[in-house]
Amino acid sequence: MKSNRAARNIAVLIILIANIGCDQISKNVIRENVGFYETISVIKNHVTITYVENTGAFLSIGSNLPGFLKTLILSIIPLIALMGGVIYVLVKKNLTLMSALALSFAIGGGIGNIYDRLIHGSVTDFLHINFGLFQTGIFNMADVSIMMGVIIFFIQSYNRQKSRLVKG
């Protein structure tokens, strides 16, 4: 049983490192090769790269907070929560594989964005999707990781609920 848990924990750490690594590599490529506010069309005007720095959280929320308060609310508290999440995923005995996977993606993305805030003072965003009625804000690979974690969680919850309905 301990070998299964060790294998799961190794997989969790690999997923965390891969998410953080892909996020940071993509942001470094953008910082080095794309001008600030420059827009590059990837798929017509439906998928574009636009380099921006976000000093706040989601949709720039909190960007106007005073320095210490911004650092506390947008960096320190989330970092403590994310570290708690890593410990939880590694220590929790009855966590399903899907839950561990979902949390690993979400935590990895969160750490990628916190790293940016602590090292660069802002989060590098660069992807934008526009398909008419469906349009995103500008986001990054850490945000994709977080969303993948949420999607995996919802799929697991749906499957669990469906299973209960069939059994019940």
Protein backbone atom coordinates (compact mmCIF):
# COMPACT_ATOMS: atom_id res chain seq x y z
CA MET A 1 0.00 0.00 0.00
CA LYS A 2 2.85 2.38 0.81
CA SER A 3 4.36 1.88 -2.66
CA ASN A 4 1.06 2.96 -4.28
CA ARG A 5 1.00 6.07 -2.12
CA ALA A 6 4.65 6.82 -2.89
CA ALA A 7 3.94 6.43 -6.61
CA ARG A 8 0.93 8.74 -6.32
CA ASN A 9 2.99 11.34 -4.45
CA ILE A 10 5.75 11.16 -7.06
CA ALA A 11 3.10 11.64 -9.77
CA VAL A 12 1.66 14.62 -7.86
CA LEU A 13 5.09 16.23 -7.59
CA ILE A 14 5.81 15.61 -11.29
CA ILE A 15 2.48 17.21 -12.25
CA LEU A 16 3.17 20.20 -9.98
CA ILE A 17 6.66 20.69 -11.40
CA ALA A 18 5.47 20.23 -14.99
CA ASN A 19 2.67 22.78 -14.54
CA ILE A 20 4.95 25.33 -12.92
CA GLY A 21 7.71 24.67 -15.48
CA CYS A 22 5.46 24.98 -18.56
CA ASP A 23 3.95 28.15 -17.13
CA GLN A 24 7.29 29.78 -16.37
CA ILE A 25 8.89 28.74 -19.67
CA SER A 26 5.96 30.13 -21.67
CA LYS A 27 6.03 33.41 -19.72
CA ASN A 28 9.79 33.77 -20.21
CA VAL A 29 9.41 33.19 -23.96
CA ILE A 30 6.76 35.93 -24.09
CA ARG A 31 8.79 38.37 -21.97
CA GLU A 32 11.85 37.87 -24.18
CA ASN A 33 10.22 37.77 -27.62
CA VAL A 34 7.01 39.81 -27.57
CA GLY A 35 6.77 43.55 -27.01
CA PHE A 36 4.63 44.90 -24.20
CA TYR A 37 1.02 45.15 -25.49
CA GLU A 38 2.15 43.70 -28.83
CA THR A 39 -0.51 41.45 -30.37
CA ILE A 40 0.36 38.45 -32.53
CA SER A 41 -2.38 36.58 -34.36
CA VAL A 42 -2.08 32.81 -33.95
CA ILE A 43 -5.38 31.69 -35.51
CA LYS A 44 -6.75 34.68 -37.42
CA ASN A 45 -8.15 36.97 -34.72
CA HIS A 46 -9.63 34.06 -32.79
CA VAL A 47 -6.49 33.17 -30.82
CA THR A 48 -3.95 35.91 -30.21
CA ILE A 49 -0.91 36.54 -28.07
CA THR A 50 -0.89 39.90 -26.35
CA TYR A 51 1.81 40.50 -23.74
CA VAL A 52 0.53 42.25 -20.60
CA GLU A 53 1.58 42.37 -16.96
CA ASN A 54 -1.22 42.03 -14.42
CA THR A 55 -0.42 43.60 -11.04
CA GLY A 56 -3.68 42.33 -9.55
CA ALA A 57 -5.46 39.02 -9.40
CA PHE A 58 -8.15 37.70 -11.79
CA LEU A 59 -9.20 40.54 -14.12
CA SER A 60 -6.79 42.89 -12.26
CA ILE A 61 -8.81 42.75 -9.03
CA GLY A 62 -6.73 44.25 -6.23
CA SER A 63 -4.22 46.00 -8.49
CA ASN A 64 -4.86 49.33 -6.73
CA LEU A 65 -4.33 48.03 -3.19
CA PRO A 66 -1.50 49.59 -1.15
CA GLY A 67 1.83 47.71 -1.40
CA PHE A 68 1.89 45.67 1.81
CA LEU A 69 -1.82 44.85 1.66
CA LYS A 70 -1.47 43.76 -1.99
CA THR A 71 1.50 41.52 -1.10
CA LEU A 72 -0.37 40.03 1.85
CA ILE A 73 -3.66 39.40 0.03
CA LEU A 74 -2.33 38.45 -3.41
CA SER A 75 0.90 36.65 -2.50
CA ILE A 76 1.50 35.64 1.11
CA ILE A 77 -1.95 34.30 2.05
CA PRO A 78 -2.37 32.42 -1.27
CA LEU A 79 1.16 30.98 -0.96
CA ILE A 80 0.38 29.66 2.52
CA ALA A 81 -2.88 28.16 1.23
CA LEU A 82 -1.11 26.56 -1.75
CA MET A 83 1.61 25.08 0.46
CA GLY A 84 -1.17 23.72 2.70
CA GLY A 85 -2.75 22.24 -0.44
CA VAL A 86 0.50 20.51 -1.42
CA ILE A 87 0.82 19.01 2.07
CA TYR A 88 -2.85 17.94 1.97
CA VAL A 89 -2.45 16.17 -1.39
CA LEU A 90 0.72 14.41 -0.27
CA VAL A 91 -0.53 13.37 3.19
CA LYS A 92 -4.26 12.64 2.70
CA LYS A 93 -4.64 8.85 2.63
CA ASN A 94 -8.09 8.43 1.07
CA LEU A 95 -7.79 11.06 -1.65
CA THR A 96 -8.85 9.66 -5.02
CA LEU A 97 -6.45 9.73 -7.91
CA MET A 98 -8.74 12.16 -9.79
CA SER A 99 -8.89 14.48 -6.77
CA ALA A 100 -5.10 14.39 -6.44
CA LEU A 101 -4.79 15.14 -10.16
CA ALA A 102 -7.29 18.02 -10.00
CA LEU A 103 -5.60 19.56 -6.98
CA SER A 104 -2.14 19.11 -8.53
CA PHE A 105 -3.15 21.07 -11.63
CA ALA A 106 -4.86 23.83 -9.63
CA ILE A 107 -2.05 24.15 -7.10
CA GLY A 108 0.65 24.06 -9.82
CA GLY A 109 -1.07 26.89 -11.66
CA GLY A 110 -1.48 28.88 -8.47
CA ILE A 111 2.19 28.50 -7.60
CA GLY A 112 3.17 29.63 -11.12
CA ASN A 113 1.23 32.88 -10.71
CA ILE A 114 2.41 33.47 -7.12
CA TYR A 115 6.00 32.98 -8.28
CA ASP A 116 5.47 35.73 -10.86
CA ARG A 117 4.03 38.11 -8.27
CA LEU A 118 6.87 37.51 -5.82
CA ILE A 119 9.73 37.59 -8.36
CA HIS A 120 8.45 40.04 -11.00
CA GLY A 121 5.88 42.08 -9.04
CA SER A 122 3.15 41.14 -11.53
CA VAL A 123 1.77 38.16 -13.44
CA THR A 124 2.61 37.82 -17.12
CA ASP A 125 -0.53 37.15 -19.20
CA PHE A 126 -0.50 36.64 -22.96
CA LEU A 127 -3.24 34.40 -24.38
CA HIS A 128 -6.57 35.67 -25.65
CA ILE A 129 -9.40 33.71 -27.27
CA ASN A 130 -12.22 35.36 -29.21
CA PHE A 131 -14.93 33.33 -30.93
CA GLY A 132 -17.65 35.97 -31.01
CA LEU A 133 -19.96 35.20 -28.10
CA PHE A 134 -17.17 33.27 -26.37
CA GLN A 135 -14.31 35.55 -25.45
CA THR A 136 -11.74 35.37 -22.67
CA GLY A 137 -9.67 37.93 -20.88
CA ILE A 138 -5.92 37.69 -21.39
CA PHE A 139 -4.58 34.69 -19.46
CA ASN A 140 -1.54 32.42 -19.13
CA MET A 141 -0.64 28.75 -18.82
CA ALA A 142 -0.98 28.84 -15.02
CA ASP A 143 -4.60 29.89 -15.53
CA VAL A 144 -5.02 26.96 -17.94
CA SER A 145 -3.65 24.62 -15.26
CA ILE A 146 -6.07 26.01 -12.69
CA MET A 147 -8.99 25.59 -15.09
CA MET A 148 -7.91 22.03 -15.93
CA GLY A 149 -7.94 21.25 -12.21
CA VAL A 150 -11.45 22.67 -11.91
CA ILE A 151 -12.65 20.73 -14.98
CA ILE A 152 -11.18 17.47 -13.66
CA PHE A 153 -12.87 18.13 -10.32
CA PHE A 154 -16.25 18.73 -11.99
CA ILE A 155 -15.90 15.61 -14.15
CA GLN A 156 -15.12 13.56 -11.05
CA SER A 157 -18.06 15.11 -9.17
CA TYR A 158 -20.39 14.42 -12.10
CA ASN A 159 -19.23 10.82 -12.39
CA ARG A 160 -19.58 10.30 -8.64
CA GLN A 161 -23.12 11.77 -8.66
CA LYS A 162 -24.07 9.68 -11.69
CA SER A 163 -22.76 6.57 -9.94
CA ARG A 164 -24.83 7.35 -6.83
CA LEU A 165 -27.97 7.77 -8.94
CA VAL A 166 -27.41 4.41 -10.65
CA LYS A 167 -26.80 2.64 -7.32
CA GLY A 168 -29.61 4.45 -5.49
